[in-house]
């Protein structure tokens, strides 16, 4: 990588990855449909929303959705998709670390998040974004091949892992409702070689 190349987690790098054609299938993630489909709609935050399929699916079902991503290119496609579906989503170009501290949601979802581990503070931000009585849904790929990831410019050890989020859930404040592997039907395109998810769903307890 030359000195002028974008950093692998920068907005410019993500725009390069998204290229000139849609990257994803346009369909919501299976785990989102399964885990959230029966929930009563409220407010939702889609972390790393990409081209917006999950956020659009939520909005169609009555959720008031804020969707964040660092890629302007992905968000432009997401906004276009929402217009075609006739739904309103608040698309915001920033990372989770720039989420206002006083913001909390009934649902916070993060699918295959590229959250830098750093000092761990991003996990605190993720958890703090869930309102009392709200739900956290975080899904990672299971059985990640580190060598293959490195070939594509990602070191999995640099990013927040499933076990990092799980370890941060204090049982005093959280009820873990689901934590384990689940099969997925992988569409064509990036990530098609992943056939198993690590699904974490937890609810934030209401303080007395």
N, C-alpha and C. Protein backbone atom coordinates (compact mmCIF):
# COMPACT_ATOMS: atom_id res chain seq x y z
N UNK A 1 0.85 -1.19 0.00
CA UNK A 1 0.00 0.00 0.00
C UNK A 1 0.88 1.23 0.00
N UNK A 2 0.62 2.16 -0.91
CA UNK A 2 1.43 3.37 -0.99
C UNK A 2 0.94 4.40 0.00
N UNK A 3 1.73 5.48 0.12
CA UNK A 3 1.38 6.52 1.08
C UNK A 3 0.09 7.22 0.73
N UNK A 4 -0.31 7.17 -0.54
CA UNK A 4 -1.52 7.88 -0.94
C UNK A 4 -2.74 6.96 -0.94
N UNK A 5 -2.54 5.68 -0.68
CA UNK A 5 -3.68 4.77 -0.62
C UNK A 5 -4.49 5.05 0.64
N UNK A 6 -5.82 4.93 0.56
CA UNK A 6 -6.63 5.13 1.76
C UNK A 6 -6.41 4.04 2.78
N UNK A 7 -6.57 4.38 4.05
CA UNK A 7 -6.49 3.39 5.10
C UNK A 7 -7.63 2.38 4.91
N UNK A 8 -7.42 1.10 5.31
CA UNK A 8 -8.39 0.05 4.97
C UNK A 8 -9.77 0.25 5.59
N UNK A 9 -9.88 1.06 6.63
CA UNK A 9 -11.18 1.26 7.26
C UNK A 9 -11.71 2.68 7.05
N UNK A 10 -11.09 3.45 6.14
CA UNK A 10 -11.49 4.82 5.90
C UNK A 10 -12.71 4.89 4.99
N UNK A 11 -13.44 6.02 5.01
CA UNK A 11 -14.57 6.17 4.08
C UNK A 11 -14.15 6.01 2.63
N UNK A 12 -12.98 6.53 2.28
CA UNK A 12 -12.51 6.42 0.90
C UNK A 12 -12.28 4.96 0.50
N UNK A 13 -11.71 4.18 1.41
CA UNK A 13 -11.47 2.77 1.13
C UNK A 13 -12.78 2.02 0.95
N UNK A 14 -13.77 2.34 1.79
CA UNK A 14 -15.06 1.67 1.64
C UNK A 14 -15.73 2.06 0.32
N UNK A 15 -15.60 3.32 -0.07
CA UNK A 15 -16.16 3.72 -1.36
C UNK A 15 -15.51 2.94 -2.50
N UNK A 16 -14.21 2.71 -2.39
CA UNK A 16 -13.53 1.92 -3.42
C UNK A 16 -14.08 0.50 -3.47
N UNK A 17 -14.32 -0.08 -2.30
CA UNK A 17 -14.84 -1.46 -2.27
C UNK A 17 -16.23 -1.54 -2.89
N UNK A 18 -17.03 -0.51 -2.69
CA UNK A 18 -18.38 -0.56 -3.24
C UNK A 18 -18.40 -0.42 -4.75
N UNK A 19 -17.36 0.16 -5.32
CA UNK A 19 -17.22 0.18 -6.77
C UNK A 19 -18.36 0.89 -7.47
N UNK A 20 -18.61 0.45 -8.71
CA UNK A 20 -19.60 1.12 -9.56
C UNK A 20 -20.92 0.37 -9.68
N UNK A 21 -20.99 -0.81 -9.11
CA UNK A 21 -22.21 -1.61 -9.18
C UNK A 21 -22.61 -2.05 -7.78
N UNK A 22 -23.89 -2.33 -7.55
CA UNK A 22 -24.31 -2.80 -6.23
C UNK A 22 -23.49 -4.00 -5.78
N UNK A 23 -23.12 -3.99 -4.51
CA UNK A 23 -22.30 -5.07 -3.97
C UNK A 23 -23.16 -6.20 -3.41
N UNK A 24 -24.28 -5.85 -2.78
CA UNK A 24 -25.08 -6.83 -2.06
C UNK A 24 -26.35 -7.19 -2.82
N UNK A 25 -27.10 -8.14 -2.27
CA UNK A 25 -28.25 -8.71 -2.97
C UNK A 25 -29.47 -7.80 -2.96
N UNK A 26 -29.53 -6.84 -2.03
CA UNK A 26 -30.73 -6.03 -1.89
C UNK A 26 -31.77 -6.65 -1.00
N UNK A 27 -31.48 -7.83 -0.44
CA UNK A 27 -32.40 -8.52 0.45
C UNK A 27 -31.93 -8.36 1.91
N UNK A 28 -32.86 -8.29 2.85
CA UNK A 28 -32.46 -8.18 4.25
C UNK A 28 -31.77 -9.45 4.73
N UNK A 29 -30.93 -9.31 5.71
CA UNK A 29 -30.25 -10.46 6.28
C UNK A 29 -31.25 -11.41 6.94
N UNK A 30 -31.05 -12.70 6.73
CA UNK A 30 -31.97 -13.71 7.26
C UNK A 30 -32.12 -13.61 8.77
N UNK A 31 -31.03 -13.39 9.46
CA UNK A 31 -31.11 -13.33 10.92
C UNK A 31 -31.93 -12.14 11.38
N UNK A 32 -31.90 -11.03 10.65
CA UNK A 32 -32.73 -9.89 11.01
C UNK A 32 -34.20 -10.25 10.89
N UNK A 33 -34.57 -10.85 9.79
CA UNK A 33 -35.97 -11.23 9.57
C UNK A 33 -36.41 -12.20 10.65
N UNK A 34 -35.56 -13.17 10.97
CA UNK A 34 -35.92 -14.19 11.96
C UNK A 34 -36.01 -13.61 13.37
N UNK A 35 -35.06 -12.80 13.75
CA UNK A 35 -34.97 -12.33 15.13
C UNK A 35 -35.87 -11.13 15.42
N UNK A 36 -36.18 -10.34 14.39
CA UNK A 36 -36.89 -9.07 14.62
C UNK A 36 -38.30 -9.10 14.06
N UNK A 37 -38.61 -10.06 13.19
CA UNK A 37 -39.88 -10.07 12.49
C UNK A 37 -41.11 -9.99 13.37
N UNK A 38 -41.05 -10.55 14.57
CA UNK A 38 -42.22 -10.55 15.46
C UNK A 38 -42.19 -9.43 16.49
N UNK A 39 -41.18 -8.58 16.45
CA UNK A 39 -41.08 -7.50 17.43
C UNK A 39 -42.01 -6.35 17.09
N UNK A 40 -42.46 -5.65 18.12
CA UNK A 40 -43.26 -4.45 17.92
C UNK A 40 -42.35 -3.32 17.45
N UNK A 41 -42.69 -2.67 16.35
CA UNK A 41 -41.81 -1.62 15.82
C UNK A 41 -41.63 -0.46 16.80
N UNK A 42 -40.45 0.12 16.76
CA UNK A 42 -40.13 1.30 17.56
C UNK A 42 -39.05 2.06 16.83
N UNK A 43 -38.07 2.52 17.57
CA UNK A 43 -36.93 3.20 16.95
C UNK A 43 -35.80 2.20 16.75
N UNK A 44 -35.05 2.37 15.66
CA UNK A 44 -33.98 1.41 15.34
C UNK A 44 -32.76 2.14 14.82
N UNK A 45 -31.60 1.59 15.15
CA UNK A 45 -30.33 2.05 14.61
C UNK A 45 -29.70 0.89 13.86
N UNK A 46 -29.41 1.11 12.57
CA UNK A 46 -28.72 0.12 11.75
C UNK A 46 -27.27 0.57 11.63
N UNK A 47 -26.37 -0.17 12.29
CA UNK A 47 -24.95 0.20 12.33
C UNK A 47 -24.23 -0.43 11.13
N UNK A 48 -23.58 0.40 10.33
CA UNK A 48 -22.92 -0.11 9.14
C UNK A 48 -23.93 -0.61 8.14
N UNK A 49 -24.85 0.26 7.75
CA UNK A 49 -26.04 -0.16 6.99
C UNK A 49 -25.73 -0.54 5.55
N UNK A 50 -24.55 -0.18 5.04
CA UNK A 50 -24.22 -0.52 3.66
C UNK A 50 -25.23 0.04 2.67
N UNK A 51 -25.71 -0.80 1.77
CA UNK A 51 -26.64 -0.35 0.73
C UNK A 51 -28.09 -0.34 1.19
N UNK A 52 -28.31 -0.60 2.49
CA UNK A 52 -29.58 -0.25 3.10
C UNK A 52 -30.68 -1.28 3.14
N UNK A 53 -30.43 -2.52 2.73
CA UNK A 53 -31.53 -3.49 2.65
C UNK A 53 -32.18 -3.75 4.01
N UNK A 54 -31.36 -3.86 5.06
CA UNK A 54 -31.92 -4.10 6.39
C UNK A 54 -32.74 -2.91 6.88
N UNK A 55 -32.20 -1.71 6.70
CA UNK A 55 -32.90 -0.51 7.15
C UNK A 55 -34.23 -0.34 6.41
N UNK A 56 -34.23 -0.61 5.12
CA UNK A 56 -35.45 -0.50 4.33
C UNK A 56 -36.47 -1.52 4.79
N UNK A 57 -36.01 -2.75 5.05
CA UNK A 57 -36.92 -3.79 5.54
C UNK A 57 -37.55 -3.37 6.86
N UNK A 58 -36.77 -2.81 7.76
CA UNK A 58 -37.30 -2.35 9.03
C UNK A 58 -38.31 -1.23 8.83
N UNK A 59 -37.97 -0.27 7.98
CA UNK A 59 -38.87 0.86 7.75
C UNK A 59 -40.20 0.41 7.15
N UNK A 60 -40.17 -0.58 6.29
CA UNK A 60 -41.41 -1.10 5.70
C UNK A 60 -42.33 -1.67 6.77
N UNK A 61 -41.74 -2.11 7.86
CA UNK A 61 -42.53 -2.72 8.94
C UNK A 61 -42.83 -1.75 10.06
N UNK A 62 -42.62 -0.48 9.83
CA UNK A 62 -43.05 0.54 10.77
C UNK A 62 -42.00 1.06 11.73
N UNK A 63 -40.77 0.59 11.59
CA UNK A 63 -39.70 1.11 12.44
C UNK A 63 -39.27 2.50 11.98
N UNK A 64 -38.94 3.35 12.94
CA UNK A 64 -38.32 4.65 12.65
C UNK A 64 -36.81 4.43 12.69
N UNK A 65 -36.17 4.44 11.52
CA UNK A 65 -34.81 3.93 11.39
C UNK A 65 -33.80 5.06 11.15
N UNK A 66 -32.75 5.06 11.95
CA UNK A 66 -31.53 5.79 11.65
C UNK A 66 -30.52 4.77 11.16
N UNK A 67 -29.92 5.03 10.00
CA UNK A 67 -28.97 4.09 9.41
C UNK A 67 -27.65 4.81 9.16
N UNK A 68 -26.56 4.25 9.70
CA UNK A 68 -25.27 4.92 9.60
C UNK A 68 -24.26 4.07 8.85
N UNK A 69 -23.42 4.74 8.09
CA UNK A 69 -22.33 4.08 7.38
C UNK A 69 -21.32 5.15 7.00
N UNK A 70 -20.06 4.77 6.88
CA UNK A 70 -19.04 5.75 6.51
C UNK A 70 -18.94 5.95 5.00
N UNK A 71 -19.53 5.06 4.21
CA UNK A 71 -19.40 5.13 2.76
C UNK A 71 -20.51 5.97 2.13
N UNK A 72 -20.12 7.07 1.50
CA UNK A 72 -21.10 7.90 0.81
C UNK A 72 -21.71 7.15 -0.36
N UNK A 73 -20.92 6.32 -1.01
CA UNK A 73 -21.40 5.58 -2.17
C UNK A 73 -22.49 4.57 -1.76
N UNK A 74 -22.26 3.86 -0.66
CA UNK A 74 -23.26 2.91 -0.17
C UNK A 74 -24.54 3.63 0.23
N UNK A 75 -24.39 4.76 0.91
CA UNK A 75 -25.57 5.50 1.37
C UNK A 75 -26.37 6.06 0.21
N UNK A 76 -25.71 6.46 -0.87
CA UNK A 76 -26.43 6.95 -2.04
C UNK A 76 -27.31 5.84 -2.63
N UNK A 77 -26.77 4.63 -2.68
CA UNK A 77 -27.56 3.50 -3.18
C UNK A 77 -28.70 3.17 -2.22
N UNK A 78 -28.42 3.27 -0.92
CA UNK A 78 -29.45 2.99 0.08
C UNK A 78 -30.60 3.99 -0.03
N UNK A 79 -30.26 5.25 -0.18
CA UNK A 79 -31.29 6.29 -0.30
C UNK A 79 -32.14 6.06 -1.54
N UNK A 80 -31.51 5.68 -2.63
CA UNK A 80 -32.25 5.40 -3.86
C UNK A 80 -33.19 4.22 -3.66
N UNK A 81 -32.70 3.19 -2.96
CA UNK A 81 -33.55 2.03 -2.69
C UNK A 81 -34.75 2.38 -1.83
N UNK A 82 -34.54 3.24 -0.84
CA UNK A 82 -35.65 3.65 0.02
C UNK A 82 -36.70 4.45 -0.76
N UNK A 83 -36.23 5.30 -1.67
CA UNK A 83 -37.17 6.07 -2.49
C UNK A 83 -37.99 5.14 -3.37
N UNK A 84 -37.35 4.11 -3.92
CA UNK A 84 -38.08 3.17 -4.76
C UNK A 84 -39.11 2.39 -3.98
N UNK A 85 -38.81 2.13 -2.70
CA UNK A 85 -39.73 1.38 -1.84
C UNK A 85 -40.77 2.29 -1.19
N UNK A 86 -40.56 3.59 -1.27
CA UNK A 86 -41.51 4.54 -0.69
C UNK A 86 -41.47 4.58 0.83
N UNK A 87 -40.26 4.40 1.40
CA UNK A 87 -40.13 4.44 2.86
C UNK A 87 -39.13 5.52 3.25
N UNK A 88 -39.28 5.98 4.49
CA UNK A 88 -38.39 7.01 5.02
C UNK A 88 -37.37 6.38 5.97
N UNK A 89 -36.12 6.65 5.71
CA UNK A 89 -35.01 6.25 6.57
C UNK A 89 -34.09 7.45 6.71
N UNK A 90 -33.57 7.68 7.91
CA UNK A 90 -32.60 8.74 8.11
C UNK A 90 -31.21 8.17 7.85
N UNK A 91 -30.64 8.50 6.69
CA UNK A 91 -29.32 8.00 6.31
C UNK A 91 -28.25 8.98 6.80
N UNK A 92 -27.25 8.48 7.51
CA UNK A 92 -26.25 9.35 8.11
C UNK A 92 -24.85 8.82 7.81
N UNK A 93 -24.02 9.69 7.29
CA UNK A 93 -22.66 9.27 6.95
C UNK A 93 -21.72 9.56 8.12
N UNK A 94 -21.59 8.60 8.99
CA UNK A 94 -20.60 8.66 10.06
C UNK A 94 -20.47 7.28 10.69
N UNK A 95 -19.44 7.11 11.46
CA UNK A 95 -19.23 5.85 12.16
C UNK A 95 -19.94 5.83 13.50
N UNK A 96 -19.93 4.67 14.12
CA UNK A 96 -20.60 4.52 15.40
C UNK A 96 -19.99 5.44 16.45
N UNK A 97 -18.68 5.68 16.36
CA UNK A 97 -18.01 6.51 17.35
C UNK A 97 -18.51 7.95 17.34
N UNK A 98 -19.20 8.37 16.25
CA UNK A 98 -19.73 9.72 16.17
C UNK A 98 -21.21 9.80 16.50
N UNK A 99 -21.77 8.72 17.01
CA UNK A 99 -23.18 8.73 17.42
C UNK A 99 -23.35 9.64 18.63
N UNK A 100 -24.35 10.53 18.63
CA UNK A 100 -24.56 11.38 19.79
C UNK A 100 -24.75 10.56 21.06
N UNK A 101 -24.12 11.00 22.12
CA UNK A 101 -24.09 10.22 23.36
C UNK A 101 -25.46 10.05 23.99
N UNK A 102 -26.38 10.97 23.74
CA UNK A 102 -27.70 10.91 24.38
C UNK A 102 -28.74 10.19 23.54
N UNK A 103 -28.30 9.47 22.50
CA UNK A 103 -29.22 8.79 21.60
C UNK A 103 -29.38 7.33 22.00
N UNK A 104 -30.64 6.87 22.11
CA UNK A 104 -30.90 5.47 22.46
C UNK A 104 -32.08 4.97 21.64
N UNK A 105 -32.03 3.67 21.32
CA UNK A 105 -33.00 3.07 20.40
C UNK A 105 -33.61 1.80 20.99
N UNK A 106 -34.81 1.48 20.49
CA UNK A 106 -35.46 0.24 20.90
C UNK A 106 -34.77 -0.98 20.29
N UNK A 107 -34.12 -0.78 19.14
CA UNK A 107 -33.38 -1.85 18.48
C UNK A 107 -32.08 -1.28 17.93
N UNK A 108 -30.98 -1.93 18.23
CA UNK A 108 -29.70 -1.61 17.61
C UNK A 108 -29.21 -2.88 16.93
N UNK A 109 -29.03 -2.81 15.62
CA UNK A 109 -28.56 -3.99 14.88
C UNK A 109 -27.24 -3.68 14.20
N UNK A 110 -26.36 -4.66 14.20
CA UNK A 110 -25.07 -4.53 13.54
C UNK A 110 -24.73 -5.88 12.91
N UNK A 111 -24.74 -5.92 11.58
CA UNK A 111 -24.47 -7.17 10.86
C UNK A 111 -23.08 -7.13 10.25
N UNK A 112 -22.28 -8.10 10.64
CA UNK A 112 -20.91 -8.23 10.15
C UNK A 112 -20.16 -6.90 10.29
N UNK A 113 -20.21 -6.33 11.49
CA UNK A 113 -19.68 -4.97 11.66
C UNK A 113 -18.16 -4.91 11.56
N UNK A 114 -17.69 -3.85 10.91
CA UNK A 114 -16.25 -3.58 10.83
C UNK A 114 -15.91 -2.48 11.83
N UNK A 115 -16.06 -2.82 13.10
CA UNK A 115 -15.79 -1.88 14.19
C UNK A 115 -14.39 -2.12 14.72
N UNK A 116 -13.56 -1.09 14.70
CA UNK A 116 -12.19 -1.23 15.16
C UNK A 116 -12.17 -1.46 16.67
N UNK A 117 -11.39 -2.44 17.12
CA UNK A 117 -11.33 -2.78 18.54
C UNK A 117 -10.69 -1.66 19.35
N UNK A 118 -9.54 -1.18 18.89
CA UNK A 118 -8.82 -0.09 19.56
C UNK A 118 -8.83 -0.31 21.07
N UNK A 119 -9.34 0.67 21.81
CA UNK A 119 -9.35 0.56 23.27
C UNK A 119 -10.64 -0.04 23.81
N UNK A 120 -11.53 -0.49 22.93
CA UNK A 120 -12.78 -1.11 23.36
C UNK A 120 -13.92 -0.14 23.57
N UNK A 121 -13.66 1.15 23.43
CA UNK A 121 -14.70 2.14 23.72
C UNK A 121 -15.87 2.05 22.73
N UNK A 122 -15.61 1.57 21.51
CA UNK A 122 -16.69 1.47 20.54
C UNK A 122 -17.75 0.47 20.99
N UNK A 123 -17.36 -0.53 21.76
CA UNK A 123 -18.34 -1.47 22.30
C UNK A 123 -19.24 -0.77 23.31
N UNK A 124 -18.67 0.08 24.12
CA UNK A 124 -19.47 0.84 25.08
C UNK A 124 -20.49 1.71 24.34
N UNK A 125 -20.06 2.34 23.25
CA UNK A 125 -20.97 3.17 22.47
C UNK A 125 -22.11 2.32 21.91
N UNK A 126 -21.76 1.15 21.39
CA UNK A 126 -22.78 0.24 20.85
C UNK A 126 -23.81 -0.13 21.90
N UNK A 127 -23.36 -0.50 23.08
CA UNK A 127 -24.28 -0.92 24.13
C UNK A 127 -25.09 0.26 24.66
N UNK A 128 -24.45 1.41 24.79
CA UNK A 128 -25.15 2.59 25.30
C UNK A 128 -26.22 3.08 24.35
N UNK A 129 -26.16 2.68 23.08
CA UNK A 129 -27.16 3.10 22.10
C UNK A 129 -28.48 2.36 22.27
N UNK A 130 -28.50 1.31 23.08
CA UNK A 130 -29.73 0.53 23.31
C UNK A 130 -30.49 1.12 24.50
N UNK A 131 -31.73 1.47 24.28
CA UNK A 131 -32.56 2.02 25.35
C UNK A 131 -32.94 0.93 26.35
N UNK A 132 -33.32 1.34 27.53
CA UNK A 132 -33.83 0.37 28.51
C UNK A 132 -35.03 -0.36 27.92
N UNK A 133 -35.03 -1.67 28.04
CA UNK A 133 -36.08 -2.48 27.45
C UNK A 133 -35.86 -2.77 25.97
N UNK A 134 -34.78 -2.21 25.42
CA UNK A 134 -34.49 -2.39 24.00
C UNK A 134 -33.68 -3.64 23.71
N UNK A 135 -33.47 -3.88 22.44
CA UNK A 135 -32.80 -5.10 21.97
C UNK A 135 -31.53 -4.78 21.20
N UNK A 136 -30.50 -5.55 21.47
CA UNK A 136 -29.26 -5.49 20.72
C UNK A 136 -29.16 -6.76 19.87
N UNK A 137 -28.90 -6.59 18.58
CA UNK A 137 -28.73 -7.72 17.68
C UNK A 137 -27.42 -7.52 16.94
N UNK A 138 -26.45 -8.39 17.21
CA UNK A 138 -25.15 -8.31 16.56
C UNK A 138 -24.85 -9.66 15.93
N UNK A 139 -24.49 -9.63 14.66
CA UNK A 139 -24.23 -10.87 13.91
C UNK A 139 -22.86 -10.77 13.25
N UNK A 140 -22.04 -11.79 13.49
CA UNK A 140 -20.74 -11.92 12.87
C UNK A 140 -20.70 -13.19 12.02
N UNK A 141 -19.75 -13.25 11.12
CA UNK A 141 -19.48 -14.50 10.42
C UNK A 141 -18.77 -15.45 11.39
N UNK A 142 -19.16 -16.71 11.35
CA UNK A 142 -18.49 -17.75 12.13
C UNK A 142 -17.35 -18.35 11.30
N UNK A 143 -16.38 -18.92 12.00
CA UNK A 143 -15.29 -19.66 11.36
C UNK A 143 -14.57 -18.81 10.30
N UNK A 144 -14.17 -17.62 10.70
CA UNK A 144 -13.47 -16.73 9.77
C UNK A 144 -12.07 -17.27 9.49
N UNK A 145 -11.74 -17.33 8.23
CA UNK A 145 -10.41 -17.75 7.79
C UNK A 145 -9.51 -16.51 7.79
N UNK A 146 -8.62 -16.43 8.78
CA UNK A 146 -7.79 -15.23 8.93
C UNK A 146 -6.89 -15.02 7.73
N UNK A 147 -6.31 -16.09 7.21
CA UNK A 147 -5.42 -15.96 6.06
C UNK A 147 -6.16 -15.38 4.86
N UNK A 148 -7.37 -15.84 4.64
CA UNK A 148 -8.16 -15.32 3.52
C UNK A 148 -8.51 -13.86 3.75
N UNK A 149 -8.86 -13.51 5.00
CA UNK A 149 -9.19 -12.12 5.31
C UNK A 149 -8.00 -11.21 5.08
N UNK A 150 -6.81 -11.67 5.47
CA UNK A 150 -5.61 -10.87 5.28
C UNK A 150 -5.34 -10.62 3.80
N UNK A 151 -5.65 -11.61 2.97
CA UNK A 151 -5.47 -11.44 1.53
C UNK A 151 -6.35 -10.32 0.98
N UNK A 152 -7.47 -10.08 1.65
CA UNK A 152 -8.40 -9.03 1.22
C UNK A 152 -8.21 -7.74 2.01
N UNK A 153 -7.11 -7.64 2.74
CA UNK A 153 -6.78 -6.39 3.41
C UNK A 153 -7.38 -6.22 4.78
N UNK A 154 -7.93 -7.28 5.37
CA UNK A 154 -8.53 -7.19 6.70
C UNK A 154 -7.80 -8.13 7.66
N UNK A 155 -7.46 -7.63 8.81
CA UNK A 155 -6.97 -8.49 9.89
C UNK A 155 -8.10 -8.61 10.91
N UNK A 156 -8.74 -9.79 11.01
CA UNK A 156 -9.87 -9.94 11.93
C UNK A 156 -9.55 -9.53 13.37
N UNK A 157 -8.28 -9.64 13.76
CA UNK A 157 -7.91 -9.29 15.12
C UNK A 157 -8.00 -7.79 15.38
N UNK A 158 -8.12 -6.99 14.33
CA UNK A 158 -8.24 -5.54 14.50
C UNK A 158 -9.66 -5.10 14.80
N UNK A 159 -10.60 -6.00 14.64
CA UNK A 159 -12.01 -5.62 14.70
C UNK A 159 -12.73 -6.27 15.88
N UNK A 160 -13.81 -5.62 16.31
CA UNK A 160 -14.62 -6.15 17.40
C UNK A 160 -15.19 -7.51 17.01
N UNK A 161 -14.98 -8.49 17.87
CA UNK A 161 -15.42 -9.85 17.61
C UNK A 161 -16.71 -10.16 18.38
N UNK A 162 -17.33 -11.25 17.98
CA UNK A 162 -18.53 -11.72 18.67
C UNK A 162 -18.28 -11.87 20.16
N UNK A 163 -17.15 -12.50 20.51
CA UNK A 163 -16.87 -12.74 21.93
C UNK A 163 -16.57 -11.46 22.69
N UNK A 164 -16.11 -10.41 22.00
CA UNK A 164 -15.88 -9.14 22.66
C UNK A 164 -17.19 -8.52 23.12
N UNK A 165 -18.19 -8.55 22.24
CA UNK A 165 -19.50 -7.99 22.59
C UNK A 165 -20.15 -8.82 23.69
N UNK A 166 -20.08 -10.12 23.54
CA UNK A 166 -20.67 -11.01 24.53
C UNK A 166 -20.07 -10.78 25.91
N UNK A 167 -18.76 -10.63 25.97
CA UNK A 167 -18.08 -10.43 27.25
C UNK A 167 -18.45 -9.10 27.89
N UNK A 168 -18.87 -8.12 27.09
CA UNK A 168 -19.19 -6.80 27.62
C UNK A 168 -20.60 -6.71 28.19
N UNK A 169 -21.41 -7.73 27.99
CA UNK A 169 -22.79 -7.70 28.46
C UNK A 169 -22.87 -8.09 29.94
N UNK A 170 -22.92 -7.09 30.78
CA UNK A 170 -23.03 -7.30 32.22
C UNK A 170 -24.38 -7.92 32.54
N UNK A 171 -24.42 -9.08 33.21
CA UNK A 171 -25.72 -9.72 33.50
C UNK A 171 -26.62 -8.88 34.40
N UNK A 172 -26.06 -7.91 35.09
CA UNK A 172 -26.88 -7.00 35.90
C UNK A 172 -27.76 -6.13 35.02
N UNK A 173 -27.25 -5.82 33.83
CA UNK A 173 -27.95 -4.89 32.94
C UNK A 173 -28.58 -5.54 31.72
N UNK A 174 -28.16 -6.78 31.41
CA UNK A 174 -28.57 -7.39 30.16
C UNK A 174 -29.09 -8.80 30.35
N UNK A 175 -30.04 -9.18 29.51
CA UNK A 175 -30.51 -10.56 29.42
C UNK A 175 -30.12 -11.08 28.03
N UNK A 176 -29.28 -12.10 28.00
CA UNK A 176 -28.87 -12.69 26.73
C UNK A 176 -29.95 -13.68 26.28
N UNK A 177 -30.55 -13.42 25.15
CA UNK A 177 -31.66 -14.22 24.65
C UNK A 177 -31.22 -15.24 23.60
N UNK A 178 -30.13 -14.91 22.92
CA UNK A 178 -29.60 -15.81 21.89
C UNK A 178 -28.12 -15.54 21.75
N UNK A 179 -27.31 -16.59 21.77
CA UNK A 179 -25.87 -16.44 21.57
C UNK A 179 -25.34 -17.77 21.06
N UNK A 180 -25.14 -17.85 19.76
CA UNK A 180 -24.65 -19.10 19.21
C UNK A 180 -24.64 -19.08 17.70
N UNK A 181 -24.30 -20.21 17.12
CA UNK A 181 -24.20 -20.32 15.67
C UNK A 181 -25.56 -20.58 15.04
N UNK A 182 -25.70 -20.06 13.82
CA UNK A 182 -26.92 -20.28 13.06
C UNK A 182 -26.56 -20.33 11.58
N UNK A 183 -27.11 -21.28 10.86
CA UNK A 183 -26.84 -21.38 9.43
C UNK A 183 -27.47 -20.25 8.67
N UNK A 184 -26.90 -19.93 7.53
CA UNK A 184 -27.44 -18.88 6.67
C UNK A 184 -27.38 -19.34 5.22
N UNK A 185 -28.32 -18.85 4.43
CA UNK A 185 -28.30 -19.08 3.00
C UNK A 185 -27.57 -17.91 2.37
N UNK A 186 -26.33 -18.12 2.00
CA UNK A 186 -25.50 -17.03 1.51
C UNK A 186 -25.83 -16.70 0.06
N UNK A 187 -26.16 -15.44 -0.24
CA UNK A 187 -26.39 -15.05 -1.63
C UNK A 187 -25.07 -14.98 -2.39
N UNK A 188 -25.16 -14.80 -3.68
CA UNK A 188 -23.96 -14.64 -4.48
C UNK A 188 -23.29 -13.31 -4.15
N UNK A 189 -22.00 -13.23 -4.44
CA UNK A 189 -21.28 -11.98 -4.22
C UNK A 189 -20.39 -12.07 -3.01
N UNK A 190 -19.88 -10.92 -2.52
CA UNK A 190 -18.98 -10.92 -1.37
C UNK A 190 -19.63 -11.62 -0.18
N UNK A 191 -18.87 -12.43 0.51
CA UNK A 191 -19.39 -13.13 1.69
C UNK A 191 -20.13 -14.41 1.37
N UNK A 192 -20.20 -14.78 0.08
CA UNK A 192 -20.96 -15.98 -0.28
C UNK A 192 -20.35 -17.25 0.29
N UNK A 193 -19.08 -17.19 0.65
CA UNK A 193 -18.42 -18.38 1.20
C UNK A 193 -18.73 -18.57 2.68
N UNK A 194 -19.41 -17.60 3.30
CA UNK A 194 -19.80 -17.73 4.71
C UNK A 194 -21.18 -18.38 4.80
N UNK A 195 -21.27 -19.51 5.48
CA UNK A 195 -22.54 -20.22 5.58
C UNK A 195 -23.03 -20.36 7.02
N UNK A 196 -22.31 -19.78 7.96
CA UNK A 196 -22.70 -19.86 9.36
C UNK A 196 -22.50 -18.51 10.02
N UNK A 197 -23.49 -18.09 10.78
CA UNK A 197 -23.43 -16.84 11.52
C UNK A 197 -23.24 -17.10 13.01
N UNK A 198 -22.67 -16.13 13.68
CA UNK A 198 -22.70 -16.05 15.13
C UNK A 198 -23.72 -14.97 15.48
N UNK A 199 -24.82 -15.38 16.10
CA UNK A 199 -25.94 -14.47 16.36
C UNK A 199 -26.01 -14.17 17.86
N UNK A 200 -25.99 -12.90 18.17
CA UNK A 200 -26.12 -12.44 19.56
C UNK A 200 -27.31 -11.51 19.65
N UNK A 201 -28.32 -11.90 20.42
CA UNK A 201 -29.46 -11.02 20.70
C UNK A 201 -29.60 -10.89 22.21
N UNK A 202 -29.66 -9.66 22.67
CA UNK A 202 -29.76 -9.41 24.11
C UNK A 202 -30.70 -8.23 24.34
N UNK A 203 -31.36 -8.24 25.48
CA UNK A 203 -32.25 -7.14 25.84
C UNK A 203 -31.70 -6.41 27.05
N UNK A 204 -31.83 -5.10 27.02
CA UNK A 204 -31.35 -4.27 28.13
C UNK A 204 -32.43 -4.21 29.19
N UNK A 205 -32.07 -4.52 30.41
CA UNK A 205 -33.03 -4.53 31.50
C UNK A 205 -33.49 -3.11 31.84
N UNK A 206 -34.71 -3.02 32.32
CA UNK A 206 -35.26 -1.76 32.76
C UNK A 206 -34.92 -1.58 34.23
N UNK A 207 -34.30 -0.45 34.55
CA UNK A 207 -33.94 -0.20 35.95
C UNK A 207 -35.17 0.15 36.75
N UNK A 208 -35.17 -0.28 37.99
CA UNK A 208 -36.34 -0.03 38.86
C UNK A 208 -36.41 1.44 39.23
